[in-house]
Amino acid sequence: MHLTWTPNASASALHAAQSICDYGDKLADARIAESIGKYALGLGQWIETSAPFDTARFWSLLVGHSAIIDSNTELAQTVVRKAAIRVGDKTAISQLAGLISDIEAAYNQLFPRFHEQLPLRAKPLQEYWLGFGPGLLAHLGRLTQKDLLVSEARVVLLQPILGGAGVAHIDQNLVRIEAVLTNPLVELPEVVRLAWLLSQLQLDLPIHSETIGSNLLSRLAPLAMLPPILAAAEVMELSKCDESVAELAIEQWHIPVPRDKQLHTEIVPVMMDWWETYLQTRPDWQTALQAFAKMLGIQ
């Protein structure tokens, strides 16, 4: 897998804004909330009002596209169109572009040397990936299917906001990840997180998810790829594939789970049982995802 590593200030700023809205009590640096908090909450409120039924998807579209679109007006146009917001387009685009610009301006004042510092911060993760990444992906392919892996992807490097975080943008073939200097968790090295993010990017191919649907896939993919990545990491002696580590990953990597399910009794045991069944029966991945959704009771 060929990776293109790209530090991105705009994506970092909007990632920070989403982190304030979703995980305000877990920020690694209080200055972040002080500097961009009011702008971030303003954007969050705008999203809640404009896209109340799928705010998570809107944030994903916004942060992901900010890494590849320089113009804030063009970014707003793209996201509003893809999110199918039912308000006056010109008004929505103008409002959104203004909110983005406010957040970027405040963020750039807080991190004026972003473009100098991020490449340096990224080196430990890049070096770790060179040492362990290809092996992790090779074992993942053996444990699942080789065609689950993309041939190339973009890794968008972010200023750390939560002391370690990442999101896979499946529809854009990119992942975003905070460039932390050290592993926040010994049990879950950042190289394993990165492999887990990258492992999700191929799941939108029809051969893997044609009968799943994009909304269900976005909820299934992070959970479905966790056991195989942990299993690959266990082979590499980087982590373990058991319920305790899986729970830790879900909690610390902010993996979304159904709100009506208990993590310790209804999510993790079911997930690990599903993985053991997969290893024994080896169905195609689309069938495996369908079975996983049925076992979890989500649709």
C-alpha atoms as a PDB file:
ATOM      1  CA  MET A   1       0.000   0.000   0.000  1.00  0.00           C
ATOM      2  CA  HIS A   2       1.403   3.346  -1.052  1.00  0.00           C
ATOM      3  CA  LEU A   3       0.697   6.157   1.418  1.00  0.00           C
ATOM      4  CA  THR A   4       0.809   9.883   0.714  1.00  0.00           C
ATOM      5  CA  TRP A   5       1.430  11.759   3.975  1.00  0.00           C
ATOM      6  CA  THR A   6       0.023  15.303   4.007  1.00  0.00           C
ATOM      7  CA  PRO A   7      -0.016  17.654   7.010  1.00  0.00           C
ATOM      8  CA  ASN A   8      -3.054  19.891   6.626  1.00  0.00           C
ATOM      9  CA  ALA A   9      -3.846  22.993   8.656  1.00  0.00           C
ATOM     10  CA  SER A  10      -7.436  23.361   7.455  1.00  0.00           C
ATOM     11  CA  ALA A  11      -8.292  19.764   8.318  1.00  0.00           C
ATOM     12  CA  SER A  12      -6.529  20.207  11.656  1.00  0.00           C
ATOM     13  CA  ALA A  13      -8.589  23.301  12.432  1.00  0.00           C
ATOM     14  CA  LEU A  14     -11.889  21.617  11.600  1.00  0.00           C
ATOM     15  CA  HIS A  15     -10.832  18.430  13.383  1.00  0.00           C
ATOM     16  CA  ALA A  16     -10.190  20.611  16.428  1.00  0.00           C
ATOM     17  CA  ALA A  17     -13.633  22.172  16.053  1.00  0.00           C
ATOM     18  CA  GLN A  18     -15.322  18.768  15.885  1.00  0.00           C
ATOM     19  CA  SER A  19     -13.298  17.575  18.885  1.00  0.00           C
ATOM     20  CA  ILE A  20     -14.505  20.568  20.914  1.00  0.00           C
ATOM     21  CA  CYS A  21     -18.117  19.821  19.997  1.00  0.00           C
ATOM     22  CA  ASP A  22     -17.950  16.058  20.545  1.00  0.00           C
ATOM     23  CA  TYR A  23     -15.251  15.612  23.211  1.00  0.00           C
ATOM     24  CA  GLY A  24     -14.908  18.978  24.889  1.00  0.00           C
ATOM     25  CA  ASP A  25     -13.870  17.465  28.214  1.00  0.00           C
ATOM     26  CA  LYS A  26     -11.041  15.425  26.659  1.00  0.00           C
ATOM     27  CA  LEU A  27      -8.966  18.136  25.004  1.00  0.00           C
ATOM     28  CA  ALA A  28      -5.233  17.767  25.514  1.00  0.00           C
ATOM     29  CA  ASP A  29      -4.652  21.536  25.622  1.00  0.00           C
ATOM     30  CA  ALA A  30      -7.060  24.023  27.232  1.00  0.00           C
ATOM     31  CA  ARG A  31      -5.784  26.774  24.923  1.00  0.00           C
ATOM     32  CA  ILE A  32      -7.594  25.121  22.033  1.00  0.00           C
ATOM     33  CA  ALA A  33     -11.026  25.643  23.552  1.00  0.00           C
ATOM     34  CA  GLU A  34     -10.093  29.161  24.619  1.00  0.00           C
ATOM     35  CA  SER A  35      -8.951  30.114  21.116  1.00  0.00           C
ATOM     36  CA  ILE A  36     -11.517  28.529  18.829  1.00  0.00           C
ATOM     37  CA  GLY A  37     -14.184  27.266  21.213  1.00  0.00           C
ATOM     38  CA  LYS A  38     -16.848  29.874  20.418  1.00  0.00           C
ATOM     39  CA  TYR A  39     -16.317  29.445  16.664  1.00  0.00           C
ATOM     40  CA  ALA A  40     -16.351  25.664  16.940  1.00  0.00           C
ATOM     41  CA  LEU A  41     -19.561  25.650  18.946  1.00  0.00           C
ATOM     42  CA  GLY A  42     -21.085  28.071  16.445  1.00  0.00           C
ATOM     43  CA  LEU A  43     -20.262  25.669  13.611  1.00  0.00           C
ATOM     44  CA  GLY A  44     -21.553  22.755  15.642  1.00  0.00           C
ATOM     45  CA  GLN A  45     -24.849  24.543  16.248  1.00  0.00           C
ATOM     46  CA  TRP A  46     -25.118  25.393  12.535  1.00  0.00           C
ATOM     47  CA  ILE A  47     -24.604  21.726  11.635  1.00  0.00           C
ATOM     48  CA  GLU A  48     -27.162  20.588  14.211  1.00  0.00           C
ATOM     49  CA  THR A  49     -29.681  22.977  12.709  1.00  0.00           C
ATOM     50  CA  SER A  50     -28.885  22.355   9.043  1.00  0.00           C
ATOM     51  CA  ALA A  51     -28.236  18.604   9.129  1.00  0.00           C
ATOM     52  CA  PRO A  52     -29.945  17.393  12.327  1.00  0.00           C
ATOM     53  CA  PHE A  53     -30.420  13.791  11.227  1.00  0.00           C
ATOM     54  CA  ASP A  54     -26.819  13.029  10.283  1.00  0.00           C
ATOM     55  CA  THR A  55     -24.395  15.409  11.966  1.00  0.00           C
ATOM     56  CA  ALA A  56     -21.645  12.763  12.065  1.00  0.00           C
ATOM     57  CA  ARG A  57     -21.722  12.386   8.281  1.00  0.00           C
ATOM     58  CA  PHE A  58     -21.676  16.160   7.820  1.00  0.00           C
ATOM     59  CA  TRP A  59     -18.588  16.511  10.009  1.00  0.00           C
ATOM     60  CA  SER A  60     -16.934  13.656   8.097  1.00  0.00           C
ATOM     61  CA  LEU A  61     -17.659  15.311   4.761  1.00  0.00           C
ATOM     62  CA  LEU A  62     -16.467  18.683   6.027  1.00  0.00           C
ATOM     63  CA  VAL A  63     -13.188  17.611   7.615  1.00  0.00           C
ATOM     64  CA  GLY A  64     -12.354  15.102   4.890  1.00  0.00           C
ATOM     65  CA  HIS A  65     -12.915  17.470   1.986  1.00  0.00           C
ATOM     66  CA  SER A  66     -11.076  20.283   3.771  1.00  0.00           C
ATOM     67  CA  ALA A  67      -7.896  18.264   3.269  1.00  0.00           C
ATOM     68  CA  ILE A  68      -8.235  18.387  -0.510  1.00  0.00           C
ATOM     69  CA  ILE A  69     -10.165  21.615  -1.255  1.00  0.00           C
ATOM     70  CA  ASP A  70      -8.371  24.910  -0.592  1.00  0.00           C
ATOM     71  CA  SER A  71     -11.196  27.382  -1.209  1.00  0.00           C
ATOM     72  CA  ASN A  72     -13.626  27.638   1.704  1.00  0.00           C
ATOM     73  CA  THR A  73     -16.452  28.638  -0.617  1.00  0.00           C
ATOM     74  CA  GLU A  74     -15.813  25.626  -2.819  1.00  0.00           C
ATOM     75  CA  LEU A  75     -15.531  23.441   0.285  1.00  0.00           C
ATOM     76  CA  ALA A  76     -18.871  24.719   1.568  1.00  0.00           C
ATOM     77  CA  GLN A  77     -20.491  24.180  -1.838  1.00  0.00           C
ATOM     78  CA  THR A  78     -19.225  20.620  -2.021  1.00  0.00           C
ATOM     79  CA  VAL A  79     -20.317  19.670   1.484  1.00  0.00           C
ATOM     80  CA  VAL A  80     -23.738  21.317   1.232  1.00  0.00           C
ATOM     81  CA  ARG A  81     -24.343  19.500  -2.057  1.00  0.00           C
ATOM     82  CA  LYS A  82     -23.204  16.110  -0.790  1.00  0.00           C
ATOM     83  CA  ALA A  83     -25.133  16.484   2.453  1.00  0.00           C
ATOM     84  CA  ALA A  84     -28.253  17.517   0.492  1.00  0.00           C
ATOM     85  CA  ILE A  85     -29.080  20.310   2.929  1.00  0.00           C
ATOM     86  CA  ARG A  86     -32.609  21.585   2.332  1.00  0.00           C
ATOM     87  CA  VAL A  87     -32.045  25.281   2.926  1.00  0.00           C
ATOM     88  CA  GLY A  88     -31.313  28.114   0.544  1.00  0.00           C
ATOM     89  CA  ASP A  89     -28.061  26.990  -1.060  1.00  0.00           C
ATOM     90  CA  LYS A  90     -26.487  30.435  -1.370  1.00  0.00           C
ATOM     91  CA  THR A  91     -27.284  31.302   2.235  1.00  0.00           C
ATOM     92  CA  ALA A  92     -26.031  27.950   3.546  1.00  0.00           C
ATOM     93  CA  ILE A  93     -22.835  28.153   1.534  1.00  0.00           C
ATOM     94  CA  SER A  94     -22.104  31.714   2.648  1.00  0.00           C
ATOM     95  CA  GLN A  95     -22.771  30.910   6.311  1.00  0.00           C
ATOM     96  CA  LEU A  96     -20.692  27.742   6.271  1.00  0.00           C
ATOM     97  CA  ALA A  97     -17.753  29.317   4.439  1.00  0.00           C
ATOM     98  CA  GLY A  98     -17.714  32.160   6.971  1.00  0.00           C
ATOM     99  CA  LEU A  99     -17.719  29.779   9.934  1.00  0.00           C
ATOM    100  CA  ILE A 100     -14.873  27.762   8.424  1.00  0.00           C
ATOM    101  CA  SER A 101     -12.819  30.913   7.830  1.00  0.00           C
ATOM    102  CA  ASP A 102     -13.335  32.080  11.417  1.00  0.00           C
ATOM    103  CA  ILE A 103     -12.134  28.734  12.778  1.00  0.00           C
ATOM    104  CA  GLU A 104      -9.108  28.646  10.483  1.00  0.00           C
ATOM    105  CA  ALA A 105      -8.092  32.201  11.403  1.00  0.00           C
ATOM    106  CA  ALA A 106      -8.261  31.490  15.140  1.00  0.00           C
ATOM    107  CA  TYR A 107      -6.468  28.182  14.676  1.00  0.00           C
ATOM    108  CA  ASN A 108      -3.649  29.731  12.645  1.00  0.00           C
ATOM    109  CA  GLN A 109      -3.081  32.299  15.386  1.00  0.00           C
ATOM    110  CA  LEU A 110      -2.769  29.486  17.931  1.00  0.00           C
ATOM    111  CA  PHE A 111      -0.448  27.364  15.759  1.00  0.00           C
ATOM    112  CA  PRO A 112       1.428  29.827  13.518  1.00  0.00           C
ATOM    113  CA  ARG A 113       4.252  27.341  12.852  1.00  0.00           C
ATOM    114  CA  PHE A 114       2.016  24.434  11.943  1.00  0.00           C
ATOM    115  CA  HIS A 115       3.670  23.766   8.575  1.00  0.00           C
ATOM    116  CA  GLU A 116       7.120  23.686  10.170  1.00  0.00           C
ATOM    117  CA  GLN A 117       6.228  21.583  13.189  1.00  0.00           C
ATOM    118  CA  LEU A 118       3.822  18.954  11.836  1.00  0.00           C
ATOM    119  CA  PRO A 119       6.333  17.218   9.540  1.00  0.00           C
ATOM    120  CA  LEU A 120       8.630  16.844  12.554  1.00  0.00           C
ATOM    121  CA  ARG A 121       5.831  15.539  14.746  1.00  0.00           C
ATOM    122  CA  ALA A 122       4.878  13.021  12.053  1.00  0.00           C
ATOM    123  CA  LYS A 123       8.308  11.382  11.818  1.00  0.00           C
ATOM    124  CA  PRO A 124       7.882   8.884  14.695  1.00  0.00           C
ATOM    125  CA  LEU A 125       4.632   7.536  13.237  1.00  0.00           C
ATOM    126  CA  GLN A 126       6.069   7.416   9.716  1.00  0.00           C
ATOM    127  CA  GLU A 127       9.156   5.559  10.898  1.00  0.00           C
ATOM    128  CA  TYR A 128       7.060   3.162  12.945  1.00  0.00           C
ATOM    129  CA  TRP A 129       4.883   2.542   9.915  1.00  0.00           C
ATOM    130  CA  LEU A 130       7.891   1.697   7.766  1.00  0.00           C
ATOM    131  CA  GLY A 131       8.926  -0.872  10.363  1.00  0.00           C
ATOM    132  CA  PHE A 132       5.565  -2.456  11.123  1.00  0.00           C
ATOM    133  CA  GLY A 133       2.895  -1.198   8.717  1.00  0.00           C
ATOM    134  CA  PRO A 134       3.565  -3.532   5.759  1.00  0.00           C
ATOM    135  CA  GLY A 135       3.668  -6.526   8.094  1.00  0.00           C
ATOM    136  CA  LEU A 136       0.389  -5.544   9.751  1.00  0.00           C
ATOM    137  CA  LEU A 137      -1.346  -5.224   6.398  1.00  0.00           C
ATOM    138  CA  ALA A 138       0.143  -8.471   5.110  1.00  0.00           C
ATOM    139  CA  HIS A 139      -1.191 -10.370   8.114  1.00  0.00           C
ATOM    140  CA  LEU A 140      -4.536  -8.596   7.763  1.00  0.00           C
ATOM    141  CA  GLY A 141      -4.768  -9.828   4.176  1.00  0.00           C
ATOM    142  CA  ARG A 142      -4.025 -13.402   5.270  1.00  0.00           C
ATOM    143  CA  LEU A 143      -6.591 -13.280   8.064  1.00  0.00           C
ATOM    144  CA  THR A 144      -9.333 -11.797   5.872  1.00  0.00           C
ATOM    145  CA  GLN A 145      -9.080 -11.164   2.118  1.00  0.00           C
ATOM    146  CA  LYS A 146      -6.251  -9.509   0.227  1.00  0.00           C
ATOM    147  CA  ASP A 147      -8.735  -7.507  -1.826  1.00  0.00           C
ATOM    148  CA  LEU A 148      -9.862  -5.733   1.349  1.00  0.00           C
ATOM    149  CA  LEU A 149      -6.756  -3.547   1.126  1.00  0.00           C
ATOM    150  CA  VAL A 150      -6.517  -0.429  -1.027  1.00  0.00           C
ATOM    151  CA  SER A 151      -3.408  -0.051  -3.160  1.00  0.00           C
ATOM    152  CA  GLU A 152      -2.885   3.581  -2.164  1.00  0.00           C
ATOM    153  CA  ALA A 153      -4.311   6.100   0.281  1.00  0.00           C
ATOM    154  CA  ARG A 154      -3.798   9.584   1.693  1.00  0.00           C
ATOM    155  CA  VAL A 155      -2.880  10.037   5.365  1.00  0.00           C
ATOM    156  CA  VAL A 156      -3.850  13.511   6.555  1.00  0.00           C
ATOM    157  CA  LEU A 157      -1.705  14.466   9.533  1.00  0.00           C
ATOM    158  CA  LEU A 158      -3.276  16.615  12.235  1.00  0.00           C
ATOM    159  CA  GLN A 159      -2.128  18.702  15.157  1.00  0.00           C
ATOM    160  CA  PRO A 160      -2.889  16.613  18.277  1.00  0.00           C
ATOM    161  CA  ILE A 161      -6.081  17.830  19.915  1.00  0.00           C
ATOM    162  CA  LEU A 162      -7.201  14.785  21.899  1.00  0.00           C
ATOM    163  CA  GLY A 163      -3.772  13.295  22.549  1.00  0.00           C
ATOM    164  CA  GLY A 164      -4.400  10.731  19.821  1.00  0.00           C
ATOM    165  CA  ALA A 165      -7.346  10.389  17.430  1.00  0.00           C
ATOM    166  CA  GLY A 166      -8.174   9.313  13.908  1.00  0.00           C
ATOM    167  CA  VAL A 167     -11.027   8.837  11.442  1.00  0.00           C
ATOM    168  CA  ALA A 168     -11.344   6.881   8.200  1.00  0.00           C
ATOM    169  CA  HIS A 169     -13.040   8.735   5.344  1.00  0.00           C
ATOM    170  CA  ILE A 170     -14.088   5.749   3.278  1.00  0.00           C
ATOM    171  CA  ASP A 171     -15.750   7.676   0.454  1.00  0.00           C
ATOM    172  CA  GLN A 172     -12.648   9.851  -0.042  1.00  0.00           C
ATOM    173  CA  ASN A 173      -9.959   7.167   0.283  1.00  0.00           C
ATOM    174  CA  LEU A 174      -8.178   9.025   3.046  1.00  0.00           C
ATOM    175  CA  VAL A 175      -7.667   8.813   6.770  1.00  0.00           C
ATOM    176  CA  ARG A 176      -6.931  11.560   9.248  1.00  0.00           C
ATOM    177  CA  ILE A 177      -4.790  10.963  12.307  1.00  0.00           C
ATOM    178  CA  GLU A 178      -3.254  13.121  15.012  1.00  0.00           C
ATOM    179  CA  ALA A 179       0.541  13.194  14.798  1.00  0.00           C
ATOM    180  CA  VAL A 180       1.371  12.361  18.406  1.00  0.00           C
ATOM    181  CA  LEU A 181       5.043  11.989  19.288  1.00  0.00           C
ATOM    182  CA  THR A 182       4.601   8.917  21.512  1.00  0.00           C
ATOM    183  CA  ASN A 183       2.043   6.155  21.903  1.00  0.00           C
ATOM    184  CA  PRO A 184      -0.684   7.300  24.329  1.00  0.00           C
ATOM    185  CA  LEU A 185      -1.445   3.637  25.118  1.00  0.00           C
ATOM    186  CA  VAL A 186       1.193   0.932  25.381  1.00  0.00           C
ATOM    187  CA  GLU A 187      -1.454  -1.693  24.622  1.00  0.00           C
ATOM    188  CA  LEU A 188      -2.470   0.048  21.389  1.00  0.00           C
ATOM    189  CA  PRO A 189       0.426   1.644  19.483  1.00  0.00           C
ATOM    190  CA  GLU A 190      -0.487   4.366  17.017  1.00  0.00           C
ATOM    191  CA  VAL A 191       0.732   2.253  14.112  1.00  0.00           C
ATOM    192  CA  VAL A 192      -2.054  -0.211  14.935  1.00  0.00           C
ATOM    193  CA  ARG A 193      -4.596   2.624  14.953  1.00  0.00           C
ATOM    194  CA  LEU A 194      -3.343   3.757  11.548  1.00  0.00           C
ATOM    195  CA  ALA A 195      -3.593   0.230  10.130  1.00  0.00           C
ATOM    196  CA  TRP A 196      -7.144  -0.015  11.496  1.00  0.00           C
ATOM    197  CA  LEU A 197      -8.099   3.259   9.805  1.00  0.00           C
ATOM    198  CA  LEU A 198      -6.566   2.223   6.478  1.00  0.00           C
ATOM    199  CA  SER A 199      -8.223  -1.189   6.628  1.00  0.00           C
ATOM    200  CA  GLN A 200     -11.666   0.433   6.323  1.00  0.00           C
ATOM    201  CA  LEU A 201     -11.059   2.284   3.063  1.00  0.00           C
ATOM    202  CA  GLN A 202     -11.848  -0.551   0.651  1.00  0.00           C
ATOM    203  CA  LEU A 203     -15.136  -1.535   2.251  1.00  0.00           C
ATOM    204  CA  ASP A 204     -17.228   0.738   0.060  1.00  0.00           C
ATOM    205  CA  LEU A 205     -16.535  -1.385  -3.029  1.00  0.00           C
ATOM    206  CA  PRO A 206     -19.756  -3.092  -4.200  1.00  0.00           C
ATOM    207  CA  ILE A 207     -18.154  -6.518  -3.863  1.00  0.00           C
ATOM    208  CA  HIS A 208     -17.816  -5.941  -0.116  1.00  0.00           C
ATOM    209  CA  SER A 209     -20.889  -3.870   0.755  1.00  0.00           C
ATOM    210  CA  GLU A 210     -23.363  -3.681  -2.141  1.00  0.00           C
ATOM    211  CA  THR A 211     -26.206  -5.028   0.014  1.00  0.00           C
ATOM    212  CA  ILE A 212     -25.155  -3.129   3.147  1.00  0.00           C
ATOM    213  CA  GLY A 213     -25.853   0.501   2.330  1.00  0.00           C
ATOM    214  CA  SER A 214     -23.612   3.466   3.078  1.00  0.00           C
ATOM    215  CA  ASN A 215     -25.254   4.463   6.369  1.00  0.00           C
ATOM    216  CA  LEU A 216     -25.008   0.981   7.863  1.00  0.00           C
ATOM    217  CA  LEU A 217     -21.495   0.538   6.484  1.00  0.00           C
ATOM    218  CA  SER A 218     -20.301   3.720   8.215  1.00  0.00           C
ATOM    219  CA  ARG A 219     -21.426   2.225  11.554  1.00  0.00           C
ATOM    220  CA  LEU A 220     -20.184  -1.302  10.882  1.00  0.00           C
ATOM    221  CA  ALA A 221     -16.778  -0.639   9.343  1.00  0.00           C
ATOM    222  CA  PRO A 222     -14.911   0.688  12.421  1.00  0.00           C
ATOM    223  CA  LEU A 223     -16.139  -2.215  14.579  1.00  0.00           C
ATOM    224  CA  ALA A 224     -15.806  -4.911  11.921  1.00  0.00           C
ATOM    225  CA  MET A 225     -12.161  -4.104  11.156  1.00  0.00           C
ATOM    226  CA  LEU A 226     -11.105  -3.922  14.803  1.00  0.00           C
ATOM    227  CA  PRO A 227     -10.756  -7.680  15.554  1.00  0.00           C
ATOM    228  CA  PRO A 228      -8.773  -8.492  12.381  1.00  0.00           C
ATOM    229  CA  ILE A 229      -6.402  -5.584  12.994  1.00  0.00           C
ATOM    230  CA  LEU A 230      -5.902  -6.615  16.614  1.00  0.00           C
ATOM    231  CA  ALA A 231      -5.291 -10.182  15.439  1.00  0.00           C
ATOM    232  CA  ALA A 232      -2.694  -8.950  12.941  1.00  0.00           C
ATOM    233  CA  ALA A 233      -1.106  -6.806  15.662  1.00  0.00           C
ATOM    234  CA  GLU A 234      -0.957  -9.836  17.955  1.00  0.00           C
ATOM    235  CA  VAL A 235       0.995 -11.760  15.318  1.00  0.00           C
ATOM    236  CA  MET A 236       3.408  -8.809  15.150  1.00  0.00           C
ATOM    237  CA  GLU A 237       3.600  -8.748  18.982  1.00  0.00           C
ATOM    238  CA  LEU A 238       2.302  -5.173  19.013  1.00  0.00           C
ATOM    239  CA  SER A 239      -0.976  -5.789  20.831  1.00  0.00           C
ATOM    240  CA  LYS A 240      -3.449  -8.516  21.766  1.00  0.00           C
ATOM    241  CA  CYS A 241      -6.715  -9.638  20.251  1.00  0.00           C
ATOM    242  CA  ASP A 242      -8.961 -10.153  23.250  1.00  0.00           C
ATOM    243  CA  GLU A 243     -12.031  -8.554  24.773  1.00  0.00           C
ATOM    244  CA  SER A 244     -10.159  -6.290  27.179  1.00  0.00           C
ATOM    245  CA  VAL A 245      -8.025  -4.714  24.446  1.00  0.00           C
ATOM    246  CA  ALA A 246     -11.027  -4.455  22.120  1.00  0.00           C
ATOM    247  CA  GLU A 247     -12.941  -2.582  24.824  1.00  0.00           C
ATOM    248  CA  LEU A 248      -9.975  -0.303  25.383  1.00  0.00           C
ATOM    249  CA  ALA A 249      -9.752   0.456  21.656  1.00  0.00           C
ATOM    250  CA  ILE A 250     -13.455   1.257  21.373  1.00  0.00           C
ATOM    251  CA  GLU A 251     -13.286   3.590  24.371  1.00  0.00           C
ATOM    252  CA  GLN A 252      -9.979   5.290  23.643  1.00  0.00           C
ATOM    253  CA  TRP A 253     -10.250   5.471  19.855  1.00  0.00           C
ATOM    254  CA  HIS A 254     -13.757   6.927  20.158  1.00  0.00           C
ATOM    255  CA  ILE A 255     -15.298   4.177  18.027  1.00  0.00           C
ATOM    256  CA  PRO A 256     -19.056   4.826  17.815  1.00  0.00           C
ATOM    257  CA  VAL A 257     -21.318   2.026  19.040  1.00  0.00           C
ATOM    258  CA  PRO A 258     -25.117   1.700  19.129  1.00  0.00           C
ATOM    259  CA  ARG A 259     -26.359   3.830  22.014  1.00  0.00           C
ATOM    260  CA  ASP A 260     -28.917   1.267  23.113  1.00  0.00           C
ATOM    261  CA  LYS A 261     -26.277  -1.459  23.571  1.00  0.00           C
ATOM    262  CA  GLN A 262     -23.974  -2.081  26.532  1.00  0.00           C
ATOM    263  CA  LEU A 263     -20.334  -2.082  25.457  1.00  0.00           C
ATOM    264  CA  HIS A 264     -19.125  -4.746  27.899  1.00  0.00           C
ATOM    265  CA  THR A 265     -21.998  -7.189  27.505  1.00  0.00           C
ATOM    266  CA  GLU A 266     -23.666  -6.547  24.141  1.00  0.00           C
ATOM    267  CA  ILE A 267     -21.007  -5.133  21.825  1.00  0.00           C
ATOM    268  CA  VAL A 268     -17.558  -6.549  22.530  1.00  0.00           C
ATOM    269  CA  PRO A 269     -18.562 -10.188  23.257  1.00  0.00           C
ATOM    270  CA  VAL A 270     -20.735 -10.246  20.126  1.00  0.00           C
ATOM    271  CA  MET A 271     -17.950  -8.708  18.052  1.00  0.00           C
ATOM    272  CA  MET A 272     -15.380 -11.240  19.225  1.00  0.00           C
ATOM    273  CA  ASP A 273     -17.806 -14.152  18.736  1.00  0.00           C
ATOM    274  CA  TRP A 274     -18.451 -12.917  15.213  1.00  0.00           C
ATOM    275  CA  TRP A 275     -14.714 -12.791  14.544  1.00  0.00           C
ATOM    276  CA  GLU A 276     -14.156 -16.331  15.804  1.00  0.00           C
ATOM    277  CA  THR A 277     -17.017 -17.541  13.623  1.00  0.00           C
ATOM    278  CA  TYR A 278     -15.507 -15.772  10.635  1.00  0.00           C
ATOM    279  CA  LEU A 279     -12.146 -17.465  11.170  1.00  0.00           C
ATOM    280  CA  GLN A 280     -13.858 -20.854  11.291  1.00  0.00           C
ATOM    281  CA  THR A 281     -16.164 -20.411   8.287  1.00  0.00           C
ATOM    282  CA  ARG A 282     -14.367 -17.854   6.064  1.00  0.00           C
ATOM    283  CA  PRO A 283     -17.359 -16.387   4.173  1.00  0.00           C
ATOM    284  CA  ASP A 284     -16.904 -13.509   1.738  1.00  0.00           C
ATOM    285  CA  TRP A 285     -16.647 -10.172   3.520  1.00  0.00           C
ATOM    286  CA  GLN A 286     -20.060  -8.901   2.405  1.00  0.00           C
ATOM    287  CA  THR A 287     -21.709 -11.959   3.926  1.00  0.00           C
ATOM    288  CA  ALA A 288     -19.617 -11.502   7.063  1.00  0.00           C
ATOM    289  CA  LEU A 289     -20.723  -7.864   7.382  1.00  0.00           C
ATOM    290  CA  GLN A 290     -24.363  -8.846   6.961  1.00  0.00           C
ATOM    291  CA  ALA A 291     -23.981 -11.450   9.701  1.00  0.00           C
ATOM    292  CA  PHE A 292     -22.251  -8.929  11.955  1.00  0.00           C
ATOM    293  CA  ALA A 293     -25.064  -6.408  11.550  1.00  0.00           C
ATOM    294  CA  LYS A 294     -27.622  -9.107  12.345  1.00  0.00           C
ATOM    295  CA  MET A 295     -25.701 -10.230  15.442  1.00  0.00           C
ATOM    296  CA  LEU A 296     -25.467  -6.647  16.678  1.00  0.00           C
ATOM    297  CA  GLY A 297     -29.116  -6.025  15.909  1.00  0.00           C
ATOM    298  CA  ILE A 298     -28.528  -2.880  13.837  1.00  0.00           C
ATOM    299  CA  GLN A 299     -29.754  -1.960  10.394  1.00  0.00           C
END
